[in-house]
Amino acid sequence: MSLETTIFTFKISVPFEEWAKGFDSPDIDALHKANAVTPLYRGVSKDDPQSVVVVHQAEEGVAKAMFEGAREPIEAGGHIWDSTVITSYLSE
């Protein structure tokens, strides 16, 4: 398997600070660790406070599978599911 960097861009329905608090929570940290996914970066657009980017790194396919399997807690944090665009890059 190759190391994959996955970029998720999406809209949020809550202020970024509130969304980030959920993303940084012990529950989401445990989800990342259980799936061997490393969050590298999370940020908000300087031009649109509802646009967010998250960059994860894991074995190929793992971050996307984790995301798809965790819809309920992801949406509960203010993530607008249908706005998500996923782009993946391989290290090889």
C-alpha atoms as a PDB file:
ATOM      1  CA  MET A   1       0.000   0.000   0.000  1.00  0.00           C
ATOM      2  CA  SER A   2       1.093   3.546  -0.721  1.00  0.00           C
ATOM      3  CA  LEU A   3       0.946   6.502   1.596  1.00  0.00           C
ATOM      4  CA  GLU A   4      -1.906   8.757   0.496  1.00  0.00           C
ATOM      5  CA  THR A   5      -2.542  12.392   1.322  1.00  0.00           C
ATOM      6  CA  THR A   6      -6.253  13.176   1.152  1.00  0.00           C
ATOM      7  CA  ILE A   7      -7.626  16.698   0.982  1.00  0.00           C
ATOM      8  CA  PHE A   8     -11.217  17.279   2.038  1.00  0.00           C
ATOM      9  CA  THR A   9     -12.823  20.638   1.244  1.00  0.00           C
ATOM     10  CA  PHE A  10     -16.328  21.356   2.455  1.00  0.00           C
ATOM     11  CA  LYS A  11     -18.747  23.873   3.925  1.00  0.00           C
ATOM     12  CA  ILE A  12     -19.725  24.129   7.573  1.00  0.00           C
ATOM     13  CA  SER A  13     -22.994  25.236   9.160  1.00  0.00           C
ATOM     14  CA  VAL A  14     -21.428  26.504  12.400  1.00  0.00           C
ATOM     15  CA  PRO A  15     -18.613  28.973  13.137  1.00  0.00           C
ATOM     16  CA  PHE A  16     -15.153  27.563  12.394  1.00  0.00           C
ATOM     17  CA  GLU A  17     -14.112  27.734  16.047  1.00  0.00           C
ATOM     18  CA  GLU A  18     -17.065  25.533  16.999  1.00  0.00           C
ATOM     19  CA  TRP A  19     -16.375  23.083  14.181  1.00  0.00           C
ATOM     20  CA  ALA A  20     -12.652  22.944  15.098  1.00  0.00           C
ATOM     21  CA  LYS A  21     -13.489  22.209  18.736  1.00  0.00           C
ATOM     22  CA  GLY A  22     -15.373  19.113  17.590  1.00  0.00           C
ATOM     23  CA  PHE A  23     -12.649  18.085  15.135  1.00  0.00           C
ATOM     24  CA  ASP A  24     -10.036  18.373  17.886  1.00  0.00           C
ATOM     25  CA  SER A  25     -12.169  16.476  20.421  1.00  0.00           C
ATOM     26  CA  PRO A  26     -11.027  13.262  22.118  1.00  0.00           C
ATOM     27  CA  ASP A  27     -13.719  11.290  20.241  1.00  0.00           C
ATOM     28  CA  ILE A  28     -12.510  12.389  16.809  1.00  0.00           C
ATOM     29  CA  ASP A  29      -8.893  11.944  17.888  1.00  0.00           C
ATOM     30  CA  ALA A  30      -9.744   8.360  18.864  1.00  0.00           C
ATOM     31  CA  LEU A  31     -11.439   7.829  15.481  1.00  0.00           C
ATOM     32  CA  HIS A  32      -8.293   9.011  13.693  1.00  0.00           C
ATOM     33  CA  LYS A  33      -6.047   6.795  15.833  1.00  0.00           C
ATOM     34  CA  ALA A  34      -8.288   3.726  15.461  1.00  0.00           C
ATOM     35  CA  ASN A  35      -8.034   4.082  11.681  1.00  0.00           C
ATOM     36  CA  ALA A  36      -4.316   5.002  11.581  1.00  0.00           C
ATOM     37  CA  VAL A  37      -5.166   8.351   9.985  1.00  0.00           C
ATOM     38  CA  THR A  38      -2.936  11.352  10.694  1.00  0.00           C
ATOM     39  CA  PRO A  39      -4.596  14.774  10.424  1.00  0.00           C
ATOM     40  CA  LEU A  40      -1.925  17.087   8.996  1.00  0.00           C
ATOM     41  CA  TYR A  41      -3.842  20.350   8.719  1.00  0.00           C
ATOM     42  CA  ARG A  42      -7.249  21.938   9.170  1.00  0.00           C
ATOM     43  CA  GLY A  43      -8.090  25.501   8.274  1.00  0.00           C
ATOM     44  CA  VAL A  44     -10.751  27.943   7.216  1.00  0.00           C
ATOM     45  CA  SER A  45     -10.758  30.018   4.045  1.00  0.00           C
ATOM     46  CA  LYS A  46      -9.706  33.605   4.616  1.00  0.00           C
ATOM     47  CA  ASP A  47     -12.310  34.639   2.014  1.00  0.00           C
ATOM     48  CA  ASP A  48     -15.228  32.424   3.090  1.00  0.00           C
ATOM     49  CA  PRO A  49     -15.690  31.569   6.786  1.00  0.00           C
ATOM     50  CA  GLN A  50     -17.915  28.625   5.838  1.00  0.00           C
ATOM     51  CA  SER A  51     -15.262  26.929   3.657  1.00  0.00           C
ATOM     52  CA  VAL A  52     -12.933  24.494   5.396  1.00  0.00           C
ATOM     53  CA  VAL A  53     -10.046  22.273   4.348  1.00  0.00           C
ATOM     54  CA  VAL A  54      -8.749  19.181   6.138  1.00  0.00           C
ATOM     55  CA  VAL A  55      -5.648  17.262   5.075  1.00  0.00           C
ATOM     56  CA  HIS A  56      -5.223  13.668   6.240  1.00  0.00           C
ATOM     57  CA  GLN A  57      -2.487  11.126   5.602  1.00  0.00           C
ATOM     58  CA  ALA A  58      -2.864   7.345   5.782  1.00  0.00           C
ATOM     59  CA  GLU A  59      -2.464   4.193   3.745  1.00  0.00           C
ATOM     60  CA  GLU A  60      -4.221   4.406   0.389  1.00  0.00           C
ATOM     61  CA  GLY A  61      -8.021   4.462   0.714  1.00  0.00           C
ATOM     62  CA  VAL A  62      -8.100   4.547   4.524  1.00  0.00           C
ATOM     63  CA  ALA A  63      -8.969   8.227   5.112  1.00  0.00           C
ATOM     64  CA  LYS A  64     -11.816   8.165   2.590  1.00  0.00           C
ATOM     65  CA  ALA A  65     -13.196   4.922   4.050  1.00  0.00           C
ATOM     66  CA  MET A  66     -13.014   6.354   7.573  1.00  0.00           C
ATOM     67  CA  PHE A  67     -14.853   9.482   6.405  1.00  0.00           C
ATOM     68  CA  GLU A  68     -17.598   7.485   4.686  1.00  0.00           C
ATOM     69  CA  GLY A  69     -18.066   5.300   7.760  1.00  0.00           C
ATOM     70  CA  ALA A  70     -18.368   8.188  10.211  1.00  0.00           C
ATOM     71  CA  ARG A  71     -21.088  10.316   8.639  1.00  0.00           C
ATOM     72  CA  GLU A  72     -23.132  10.822  11.820  1.00  0.00           C
ATOM     73  CA  PRO A  73     -20.399  12.311  14.046  1.00  0.00           C
ATOM     74  CA  ILE A  74     -18.983  14.290  11.137  1.00  0.00           C
ATOM     75  CA  GLU A  75     -22.324  15.916  10.351  1.00  0.00           C
ATOM     76  CA  ALA A  76     -23.036  16.467  14.058  1.00  0.00           C
ATOM     77  CA  GLY A  77     -20.014  18.787  14.161  1.00  0.00           C
ATOM     78  CA  GLY A  78     -21.455  21.105  11.519  1.00  0.00           C
ATOM     79  CA  HIS A  79     -19.882  19.564   8.399  1.00  0.00           C
ATOM     80  CA  ILE A  80     -22.242  19.890   5.409  1.00  0.00           C
ATOM     81  CA  TRP A  81     -21.835  16.382   3.981  1.00  0.00           C
ATOM     82  CA  ASP A  82     -23.004  17.031   0.412  1.00  0.00           C
ATOM     83  CA  SER A  83     -20.574  19.931  -0.011  1.00  0.00           C
ATOM     84  CA  THR A  84     -17.525  17.679   0.407  1.00  0.00           C
ATOM     85  CA  VAL A  85     -14.926  17.434  -2.356  1.00  0.00           C
ATOM     86  CA  ILE A  86     -12.225  14.798  -1.835  1.00  0.00           C
ATOM     87  CA  THR A  87      -8.892  14.873  -3.668  1.00  0.00           C
ATOM     88  CA  SER A  88      -6.194  12.272  -3.080  1.00  0.00           C
ATOM     89  CA  TYR A  89      -2.468  12.242  -3.826  1.00  0.00           C
ATOM     90  CA  LEU A  90      -0.026   9.333  -3.663  1.00  0.00           C
ATOM     91  CA  SER A  91       3.572   9.588  -2.525  1.00  0.00           C
ATOM     92  CA  GLU A  92       4.769   7.262  -5.284  1.00  0.00           C
END
